[in-house]
Protein backbone atom coordinates (compact mmCIF):
# COMPACT_ATOMS: atom_id res chain seq x y z
CA UNK A 1 57.89 61.10 33.36
CA UNK A 2 58.10 61.69 37.02
CA UNK A 3 56.56 65.02 38.54
CA UNK A 4 58.31 68.03 38.47
CA UNK A 5 57.09 71.90 38.58
CA UNK A 6 57.49 73.25 35.07
CA UNK A 7 57.39 77.22 35.40
CA UNK A 8 55.55 79.16 32.71
CA UNK A 9 58.46 81.68 32.14
CA UNK A 10 59.25 79.04 29.22
CA UNK A 11 56.10 78.58 27.31
CA UNK A 12 57.68 77.06 24.30
CA UNK A 13 58.47 73.93 26.89
CA UNK A 14 55.37 74.02 28.20
CA UNK A 15 53.02 74.35 25.15
CA UNK A 16 55.29 72.82 22.78
CA UNK A 17 53.87 70.08 20.50
CA UNK A 18 57.02 67.86 20.74
CA UNK A 19 57.28 64.42 22.27
CA UNK A 20 59.94 64.78 25.07
CA UNK A 21 62.14 61.66 26.64
CA UNK A 22 61.54 60.88 30.17
CA UNK A 23 65.05 61.50 31.42
CA UNK A 24 65.26 64.42 33.83
CA UNK A 25 68.15 66.96 33.41
CA UNK A 26 69.29 68.33 36.79
CA UNK A 27 70.76 71.54 35.26
CA UNK A 28 67.58 72.39 33.70
CA UNK A 29 64.84 71.47 36.23
CA UNK A 30 62.31 74.19 36.74
CA UNK A 31 61.96 75.10 40.49
CA UNK A 32 59.92 77.88 42.18
CA UNK A 33 61.87 80.13 43.99
CA UNK A 34 59.14 80.52 46.63
CA UNK A 35 58.91 76.85 47.29
CA UNK A 36 62.68 76.89 47.63
CA UNK A 37 62.65 79.54 50.21
CA UNK A 38 59.71 77.88 52.05
CA UNK A 39 61.99 74.53 52.21
CA UNK A 40 64.72 76.53 53.63
CA UNK A 41 62.76 78.15 56.46
CA UNK A 42 62.60 74.95 58.10
CA UNK A 43 64.48 75.13 61.52
CA UNK A 44 66.64 72.49 62.90
CA UNK A 45 66.90 74.36 65.94
CA UNK A 46 63.14 74.81 66.40
CA UNK A 47 62.59 70.92 65.71
CA UNK A 48 65.22 70.25 68.35
CA UNK A 49 63.29 72.72 70.84
CA UNK A 50 60.00 71.33 70.03
CA UNK A 51 60.84 67.79 70.50
CA UNK A 52 62.89 68.34 73.86
CA UNK A 53 59.56 69.97 74.99
CA UNK A 54 57.23 67.18 73.69
CA UNK A 55 59.41 64.33 75.44
CA UNK A 56 59.41 66.18 78.78
CA UNK A 57 55.62 65.46 79.12
CA UNK A 58 56.98 61.99 80.41
CA UNK A 59 54.11 59.80 78.40
CA UNK A 60 51.45 60.93 75.75
CA UNK A 61 49.65 57.05 76.04
CA UNK A 62 45.90 57.84 74.91
CA UNK A 63 44.80 56.40 78.05
CA UNK A 64 47.28 58.35 80.34
CA UNK A 65 46.10 61.25 82.71
CA UNK A 66 44.42 64.22 81.34
CA UNK A 67 44.27 66.65 84.41
CA UNK A 68 48.07 67.50 84.87
CA UNK A 69 49.45 70.61 83.24
CA UNK A 70 52.99 68.84 82.97
CA UNK A 71 52.46 65.11 82.49
CA UNK A 72 50.31 62.95 80.28
CA UNK A 73 48.57 63.32 77.14
CA UNK A 74 46.13 66.22 78.61
CA UNK A 75 49.12 68.39 78.98
CA UNK A 76 50.89 67.32 75.79
CA UNK A 77 47.72 67.98 73.52
CA UNK A 78 46.93 71.11 75.14
CA UNK A 79 50.73 72.62 74.35
CA UNK A 80 50.34 71.37 70.73
CA UNK A 81 47.52 73.36 70.42
CA UNK A 82 48.66 76.41 72.25
CA UNK A 83 51.90 76.05 69.89
CA UNK A 84 50.04 75.76 66.62
CA UNK A 85 48.06 78.80 67.70
CA UNK A 86 51.30 80.84 68.11
CA UNK A 87 52.12 79.93 64.64
CA UNK A 88 50.04 82.63 63.13
CA UNK A 89 46.40 83.88 62.50
CA UNK A 90 46.26 82.20 59.25
CA UNK A 91 45.85 79.00 60.91
CA UNK A 92 42.81 77.75 62.41
CA UNK A 93 43.37 75.66 65.12
CA UNK A 94 40.66 73.33 66.77
CA UNK A 95 40.50 70.10 68.70
CA UNK A 96 38.70 67.19 66.86
CA UNK A 97 37.06 65.17 69.51
CA UNK A 98 36.02 61.37 69.77
CA UNK A 99 34.76 59.50 72.85
CA UNK A 100 35.26 55.66 72.42
CA UNK A 101 33.83 52.78 74.50
CA UNK A 102 36.03 49.80 75.77
CA UNK A 103 37.53 47.77 72.74
CA UNK A 104 40.66 46.33 72.01
CA UNK A 105 43.43 47.96 74.11
CA UNK A 106 41.06 50.83 75.21
CA UNK A 107 39.81 49.56 78.49
CA UNK A 108 37.78 52.32 79.52
CA UNK A 109 35.60 54.99 78.22
CA UNK A 110 38.25 57.46 76.33
CA UNK A 111 38.24 60.86 74.78
CA UNK A 112 40.30 60.98 71.70
CA UNK A 113 41.52 64.12 70.78
CA UNK A 114 43.07 64.90 67.28
CA UNK A 115 44.47 68.36 66.88
CA UNK A 116 44.15 70.05 63.68
CA UNK A 117 45.70 73.52 62.20
CA UNK A 118 44.09 74.32 59.11
CA UNK A 119 45.54 76.84 56.57
CA UNK A 120 42.60 77.71 54.42
CA UNK A 121 43.18 77.79 50.43
CA UNK A 122 41.48 79.15 47.23
CA UNK A 123 39.48 75.84 46.86
CA UNK A 124 38.08 73.29 49.51
CA UNK A 125 40.18 70.51 48.09
CA UNK A 126 42.60 69.26 50.94
CA UNK A 127 46.12 68.09 51.48
CA UNK A 128 46.97 66.48 54.70
CA UNK A 129 50.50 66.62 56.57
CA UNK A 130 50.09 64.43 59.50
CA UNK A 131 51.41 62.33 62.42
CA UNK A 132 50.27 60.72 65.54
CA UNK A 133 51.39 62.38 68.81
CA UNK A 134 50.61 59.58 71.05
CA UNK A 135 53.21 57.22 72.66
CA UNK A 136 53.29 53.77 73.98
CA UNK A 137 55.46 51.90 76.74
CA UNK A 138 53.99 48.42 76.42
CA UNK A 139 55.78 47.36 79.77
CA UNK A 140 58.00 44.02 80.56
CA UNK A 141 60.79 44.94 77.79
CA UNK A 142 61.24 48.65 78.86
CA UNK A 143 64.61 48.46 80.62
CA UNK A 144 66.75 46.81 78.06
CA UNK A 145 67.59 47.16 74.28
CA UNK A 146 65.67 44.26 72.05
CA UNK A 147 66.36 42.92 68.86
CA UNK A 148 62.91 41.00 68.98
CA UNK A 149 60.18 42.65 66.75
CA UNK A 150 57.36 44.73 67.98
CA UNK A 151 55.03 42.59 69.59
CA UNK A 152 51.84 42.04 67.33
CA UNK A 153 48.69 44.02 68.36
CA UNK A 154 46.67 41.15 69.86
CA UNK A 155 49.82 40.15 72.26
CA UNK A 156 49.75 43.66 73.83
CA UNK A 157 48.66 43.24 77.53
CA UNK A 158 45.79 45.94 77.98
CA UNK A 159 46.63 45.98 81.63
CA UNK A 160 49.91 47.87 81.38
CA UNK A 161 50.48 50.98 83.54
CA UNK A 162 49.17 53.75 80.80
CA UNK A 163 51.34 56.47 82.89
CA UNK A 164 54.54 54.66 82.65
CA UNK A 165 57.35 56.52 81.17
CA UNK A 166 56.58 56.77 77.23
CA UNK A 167 58.77 59.31 76.07
CA UNK A 168 58.25 58.42 72.42
CA UNK A 169 60.96 60.68 71.13
CA UNK A 170 61.31 59.02 67.49
CA UNK A 171 57.77 57.13 67.72
CA UNK A 172 56.14 59.22 67.02
CA UNK A 173 57.91 62.58 68.36
CA UNK A 174 59.48 62.86 65.20
CA UNK A 175 56.56 63.01 63.03
CA UNK A 176 54.73 65.10 65.21
CA UNK A 177 57.07 68.19 65.30
CA UNK A 178 57.67 67.93 61.65
CA UNK A 179 54.03 68.41 61.16
CA UNK A 180 54.08 71.30 63.73
CA UNK A 181 57.17 72.90 61.96
CA UNK A 182 55.53 72.34 58.53
CA UNK A 183 52.36 74.45 59.88
CA UNK A 184 54.34 77.36 61.37
CA UNK A 185 56.33 77.75 57.74
CA UNK A 186 53.18 77.30 55.71
CA UNK A 187 51.54 79.86 57.50
CA UNK A 188 54.19 82.29 57.55
CA UNK A 189 55.19 81.95 53.83
CA UNK A 190 52.85 84.53 52.50
CA UNK A 191 51.83 81.66 49.73
CA UNK A 192 48.32 81.94 48.39
CA UNK A 193 47.58 78.08 48.04
CA UNK A 194 44.93 76.64 45.92
CA UNK A 195 44.31 73.54 48.28
CA UNK A 196 43.26 73.89 51.68
CA UNK A 197 46.29 72.40 53.78
CA UNK A 198 45.55 70.57 56.82
CA UNK A 199 48.28 69.98 59.32
CA UNK A 200 46.83 67.06 61.68
CA UNK A 201 48.06 65.33 64.95
CA UNK A 202 46.25 62.14 65.59
CA UNK A 203 45.61 60.22 69.03
CA UNK A 204 44.74 56.59 69.65
CA UNK A 205 46.94 55.32 66.59
CA UNK A 206 48.88 52.89 69.14
CA UNK A 207 45.49 51.55 70.35
CA UNK A 208 44.47 50.97 67.08
CA UNK A 209 44.54 54.03 64.59
CA UNK A 210 41.27 55.51 66.27
CA UNK A 211 41.82 59.30 66.15
CA UNK A 212 42.72 58.78 62.24
CA UNK A 213 40.10 56.38 61.60
CA UNK A 214 37.65 58.55 63.07
CA UNK A 215 38.27 61.67 60.95
CA UNK A 216 38.97 59.62 57.75
CA UNK A 217 35.41 58.23 58.23
CA UNK A 218 33.67 61.68 59.00
CA UNK A 219 35.56 63.08 55.40
CA UNK A 220 34.03 60.06 53.57
CA UNK A 221 30.77 60.51 54.84
CA UNK A 222 30.81 64.28 53.85
CA UNK A 223 32.44 63.56 50.62
CA UNK A 224 35.30 65.93 51.31
CA UNK A 225 37.82 66.18 48.20
CA UNK A 226 41.10 65.03 49.84
CA UNK A 227 43.98 65.03 47.28
CA UNK A 228 46.82 63.58 49.38
CA UNK A 229 47.74 62.40 52.91
CA UNK A 230 51.08 62.49 53.91
CA UNK A 231 51.67 60.54 56.85
CA UNK A 232 54.98 60.78 59.09
CA UNK A 233 55.54 57.85 61.40
CA UNK A 234 58.91 57.48 62.77
CA UNK A 235 61.04 59.72 60.61
CA UNK A 236 64.10 60.87 62.89
CA UNK A 237 66.36 57.99 63.28
CA UNK A 238 69.56 57.12 61.39
CA UNK A 239 70.93 54.21 63.23
CA UNK A 240 69.36 50.55 63.11
CA UNK A 241 69.86 47.60 64.89
CA UNK A 242 72.12 46.18 62.40
CA UNK A 243 74.03 47.81 59.26
CA UNK A 244 75.35 51.49 58.61
CA UNK A 245 73.86 54.54 59.64
CA UNK A 246 71.58 56.08 56.67
CA UNK A 247 70.85 60.07 57.18
CA UNK A 248 70.34 60.23 53.39
CA UNK A 249 67.19 58.08 52.57
CA UNK A 250 63.60 57.92 53.77
CA UNK A 251 61.12 55.45 52.81
CA UNK A 252 57.87 56.43 51.21
CA UNK A 253 55.22 53.31 51.23
CA UNK A 254 52.01 53.42 49.11
CA UNK A 255 49.49 51.07 48.61
CA UNK A 256 49.10 49.43 44.91
CA UNK A 257 47.97 48.54 42.28
CA UNK A 258 50.59 50.30 40.23
CA UNK A 259 48.41 53.38 38.95
CA UNK A 260 46.68 53.61 42.49
CA UNK A 261 45.95 57.33 43.58
CA UNK A 262 48.43 56.42 46.56
CA UNK A 263 51.26 55.32 44.06
CA UNK A 264 50.80 58.61 41.93
CA UNK A 265 51.36 60.72 45.14
CA UNK A 266 54.30 58.74 46.15
CA UNK A 267 55.76 59.58 42.47
CA UNK A 268 55.17 62.87 43.02
CA UNK A 269 57.01 63.16 46.31
CA UNK A 270 60.01 61.39 44.59
CA UNK A 271 60.35 63.94 42.13
CA UNK A 272 59.74 66.95 44.25
CA UNK A 273 62.54 65.62 46.66
CA UNK A 274 64.92 65.66 43.30
CA UNK A 275 64.16 68.82 42.75
CA UNK A 276 64.29 70.72 45.97
CA UNK A 277 66.33 68.28 48.29
CA UNK A 278 68.66 66.89 46.26
CA UNK A 279 71.14 64.55 47.96
CA UNK A 280 68.12 63.11 50.08
CA UNK A 281 66.81 60.04 48.27
CA UNK A 282 62.96 58.97 48.57
CA UNK A 283 62.64 55.43 48.38
CA UNK A 284 59.67 54.21 47.01
CA UNK A 285 58.22 51.37 48.69
CA UNK A 286 55.48 49.10 46.87
CA UNK A 287 53.29 48.29 49.89
CA UNK A 288 51.15 49.89 52.25
CA UNK A 289 53.27 49.72 55.10
CA UNK A 290 56.02 47.61 56.71
CA UNK A 291 55.54 44.04 56.49
CA UNK A 292 52.41 43.46 58.88
CA UNK A 293 52.54 46.52 60.30
CA UNK A 294 50.34 49.78 59.78
CA UNK A 295 49.73 53.50 60.66
CA UNK A 296 47.37 56.36 60.41
CA UNK A 297 47.47 56.89 56.43
CA UNK A 298 45.81 53.26 56.12
CA UNK A 299 42.30 54.48 57.15
CA UNK A 300 42.43 57.37 54.70
CA UNK A 301 43.38 54.91 51.98
CA UNK A 302 40.48 52.69 53.05
CA UNK A 303 37.96 55.54 52.59
CA UNK A 304 39.20 56.04 48.97
CA UNK A 305 41.72 58.76 49.99
CA UNK A 306 45.31 59.11 48.27
CA UNK A 307 47.76 58.16 51.47
CA UNK A 308 51.22 57.74 51.85
CA UNK A 309 53.72 57.27 54.82
CA UNK A 310 57.05 58.42 55.52
CA UNK A 311 59.32 55.88 57.29
CA UNK A 312 63.26 56.05 58.28
CA UNK A 313 65.50 53.92 56.25
CA UNK A 314 67.19 52.69 59.20
CA UNK A 315 64.57 51.98 61.83
CA UNK A 316 65.61 50.90 65.04
CA UNK A 317 62.67 48.53 66.39
CA UNK A 318 64.86 48.00 69.71
CA UNK A 319 63.67 51.60 70.90
CA UNK A 320 60.23 51.60 69.93
CA UNK A 321 57.36 51.24 72.58
CA UNK A 322 59.22 51.34 75.30
CA UNK A 323 60.96 53.72 77.74
CA UNK A 324 64.28 53.73 75.37
CA UNK A 325 62.57 55.78 72.99
CA UNK A 326 64.62 58.94 74.26
CA UNK A 327 65.84 62.06 72.56
CA UNK A 328 69.41 60.40 71.83
CA UNK A 329 67.69 58.40 69.14
CA UNK A 330 66.55 61.35 67.00
CA UNK A 331 69.12 62.88 64.50
CA UNK A 332 67.13 66.37 64.22
CA UNK A 333 69.12 67.08 60.93
CA UNK A 334 67.78 63.98 59.19
CA UNK A 335 64.40 64.73 60.52
CA UNK A 336 64.73 68.36 59.08
CA UNK A 337 65.69 66.79 55.43
CA UNK A 338 62.72 64.70 55.73
CA UNK A 339 60.47 67.84 56.77
CA UNK A 340 61.72 69.59 53.67
CA UNK A 341 60.44 66.80 51.56
CA UNK A 342 57.28 66.69 52.95
CA UNK A 343 57.05 70.40 52.41
CA UNK A 344 58.37 70.79 48.63
CA UNK A 345 55.89 68.11 47.74
CA UNK A 346 52.82 69.53 49.68
CA UNK A 347 53.40 72.84 48.68
CA UNK A 348 53.64 72.21 45.02
CA UNK A 349 50.90 70.06 45.11
CA UNK A 350 48.68 72.92 46.84
CA UNK A 351 49.91 75.27 44.50
CA UNK A 352 48.91 73.22 41.39
CA UNK A 353 45.40 72.43 39.95
CA UNK A 354 43.87 69.29 41.04
CA UNK A 355 44.50 66.40 38.31
CA UNK A 356 42.10 66.04 35.74
CA UNK A 357 39.27 63.46 35.75
CA UNK A 358 39.61 60.72 33.07
CA UNK A 359 36.01 59.49 33.18
CA UNK A 360 32.66 60.65 32.01
CA UNK A 361 29.43 61.51 33.30
CA UNK A 362 28.36 57.82 33.08
CA UNK A 363 31.80 56.50 34.60
CA UNK A 364 33.40 55.50 31.26
CA UNK A 365 36.98 55.73 30.90
CA UNK A 366 38.03 58.59 28.56
CA UNK A 367 40.24 56.28 26.40
CA UNK A 368 39.67 54.72 23.28
CA UNK A 369 41.22 53.88 19.76
CA UNK A 370 40.95 56.32 16.88
CA UNK A 371 39.06 54.68 13.79
CA UNK A 372 42.41 53.48 12.46
CA UNK A 373 42.39 51.00 15.35
CA UNK A 374 45.84 51.58 16.07
CA UNK A 375 46.09 55.13 17.28
CA UNK A 376 45.37 56.28 20.93
CA UNK A 377 42.44 58.82 21.61
CA UNK A 378 42.75 60.45 24.91
CA UNK A 379 39.95 62.77 26.33
CA UNK A 380 39.81 64.36 29.74
CA UNK A 381 37.68 66.64 31.64
CA UNK A 382 38.97 70.28 32.43
CA UNK A 383 40.62 70.71 35.50
CA UNK A 384 39.65 73.83 37.46
CA UNK A 385 42.68 76.41 37.44
CA UNK A 386 44.60 74.30 34.69
CA UNK A 387 46.04 76.42 31.74
CA UNK A 388 47.55 73.55 29.97
CA UNK A 389 48.07 69.48 30.50
CA UNK A 390 50.84 67.21 29.84
CA UNK A 391 50.16 63.34 28.78
CA UNK A 392 52.22 60.94 29.69
CA UNK A 393 52.98 57.32 28.60
CA UNK A 394 55.15 54.28 29.64
CA UNK A 395 55.46 50.28 28.86
CA UNK A 396 52.99 48.48 30.65
CA UNK A 397 55.50 46.58 32.62
CA UNK A 398 57.27 49.66 33.78
CA UNK A 399 56.46 51.77 36.96
CA UNK A 400 58.24 54.76 35.96
CA UNK A 401 56.50 57.29 33.31
CA UNK A 402 58.94 57.18 30.18
CA UNK A 403 57.38 59.83 27.74
CA UNK A 404 55.21 62.84 27.87
CA UNK A 405 53.79 65.50 25.80
CA UNK A 406 52.89 69.27 26.53
CA UNK A 407 49.48 69.65 24.79
CA UNK A 408 48.34 73.08 25.66
CA UNK A 409 45.07 73.83 27.21
CA UNK A 410 43.03 71.37 25.39
CA UNK A 411 41.26 68.25 26.57
CA UNK A 412 41.59 65.86 23.74
CA UNK A 413 44.75 64.16 22.03
CA UNK A 414 45.52 61.78 19.24
CA UNK A 415 48.66 59.78 19.36
CA UNK A 416 49.44 58.06 16.36
CA UNK A 417 51.18 54.95 16.11
CA UNK A 418 50.52 54.17 20.17
CA UNK A 419 48.23 51.52 21.11
CA UNK A 420 46.36 51.51 24.13
CA UNK A 421 46.90 47.70 24.25
CA UNK A 422 50.84 48.12 24.74
CA UNK A 423 50.95 51.28 26.78
CA UNK A 424 49.90 52.72 30.02
CA UNK A 425 48.40 56.48 29.54
CA UNK A 426 48.09 59.31 32.26
CA UNK A 427 47.23 63.17 32.12
CA UNK A 428 48.26 65.86 34.46
CA UNK A 429 47.01 69.49 34.79
CA UNK A 430 49.35 72.60 34.76
CA UNK A 431 48.55 75.62 36.44
CA UNK A 432 49.04 79.49 35.55
CA UNK A 433 52.06 79.34 38.05
CA UNK A 434 53.69 76.29 36.33
CA UNK A 435 52.97 73.71 38.92
CA UNK A 436 51.81 70.36 37.80
CA UNK A 437 49.14 68.10 39.51
CA UNK A 438 49.90 64.36 40.16
CA UNK A 439 49.35 62.11 37.08
CA UNK A 440 46.19 60.51 36.85
CA UNK A 441 46.35 57.16 34.81
CA UNK A 442 43.78 55.40 32.87
CA UNK A 443 42.95 52.25 34.59
CA UNK A 444 40.54 49.79 33.62
CA UNK A 445 38.32 48.83 36.57
CA UNK A 446 38.36 45.23 37.44
CA UNK A 447 35.61 43.20 36.10
CA UNK A 448 33.27 40.99 38.04
CA UNK A 449 32.15 38.06 35.94
CA UNK A 450 28.60 37.32 35.86
CA UNK A 451 27.53 33.93 37.81
CA UNK A 452 26.85 31.12 35.65
CA UNK A 453 23.22 30.26 35.31
CA UNK A 454 22.56 26.44 36.19
CA UNK A 455 21.44 24.35 33.37
CA UNK A 456 17.44 23.90 33.72
CA UNK A 457 16.43 20.44 34.63
CA UNK A 458 15.97 17.80 32.10
C-alpha cells in the first residue's frame, strides 16, 4: 500500500490485526489538520513577489560579479540570506562556503556559497528541501527560441560572458522561491517536528553541481543521518515546446533499483500528494533524472542518502540557459501546487518517526522462513518514537505495495502462507501523532561471486 498519514484517533484501525487491501479510499483517508493548514499557508502572491525580486538581479551566474548590491550572484545570495533571516527566529540561517580552483566550467578561483536555513527538530536526523539558485546564459543562442536540446556539458564554452543577462526565472528561480516560501511557512507553523528540516539553496549547479556536492560529501564524512532530500529544479512552467499545457502534473524522478531508499521517498511523496493536494498528480519516473541530464540530488544519492528531484511536466528547453528564461515562462499557480506537494510530504515525514532498521548487528537481513518453510518471519529493530508498525507486501513484479497489516508495538511478525520467495516485504513505523514513516523494504544485497581458483599446474 502506498504511504499515508494514519491518525491515532482510530486505534482499532492502527492496531487491528486484520489484513487490509491496498486500495485507497479518498473518503476515509486520514489527514492531519495541522499539515493541511501548513499547506494552505503557501502564498501565490509571495511566490510571485520573491521570484520578481530574484529575476531583477539580472544574473546569478556562479562566476558573475559579487561586489554589486543590485546585480549578480553576490547581491542575490545576500538577499536570499536576508529574506530567510526575516522568516523568523526559529530558522538558523548561514552561508555554507566552499572555494573551488579552476576546473571544468569554473575558469578561475571561485567562492561557492550555499545558503542554509535550518529548522531544528527533536532529533538530529535531517530532511532537506532544496534547489539551486544560480542561473546560466551559455551565449550564442540567447536571443531566439530554440527547439534544440540543451548543449551537453562538454560543449559549453567556458569563455562566455558570465555577467550576461541570465534571469533564470524557471531554471531555477522557481525552485529557489519554492524553497524560500516553505522555509517561511514551516518556521511560522509552530509545529514540533521530530526531524530537523534544512531548507537549502545551492550554488554552482550549472557549473557541475559543485555546491551540493561539497555539502553532500561533508554530510557523508560526518555520518549525518539524512532521511530524504527533496530537490526542486525547473518546477514552474506549464507549456512545453510541443503538446498541450499541463498545470496538474509534476514529475518526480528517483534512482533505482525498485526498493531503493530514493524510490521509497518518491512513493511517499505520491501518497501525500493524494492526501493533501488532490487533483495535482505526481508522476513517478523510474530513473534518476531526465535522460542524460542531472541536478543537485545526485551527489546526495551518491553519498548514500535518499534523494529525489521534482520537475515540471511540460518542460520548455527553448527558454533554458538563456536570456529568454523570464517571468513570462512561470505559472505561479502551478508553482504553488508543486510547493504544496513538497510541504505535505516534508511535514508528514518530519512528524513521523524514522523507518525501522531491517538488519541486525552483523548486517544480516531480518527476514527468514519459519520452521514450516512456507511462512514468512519478519523482524525489525525498534524505531525511536514509534508506537506501532505496519507490515507491507506485494508481488515481486509490482512497483506498488498491495497489502498491509497493522501489528501494534511489536518487532516480530509471522505471516502464515506467505512466502519470502514470492513476495516483497517492507515495514514502516507509526508515531504517536499517527504519521507513518517511509516503507523500508527487505532487500537482499547483490552477491559478489568469488573468483575461480585456477587449476594447479600438472
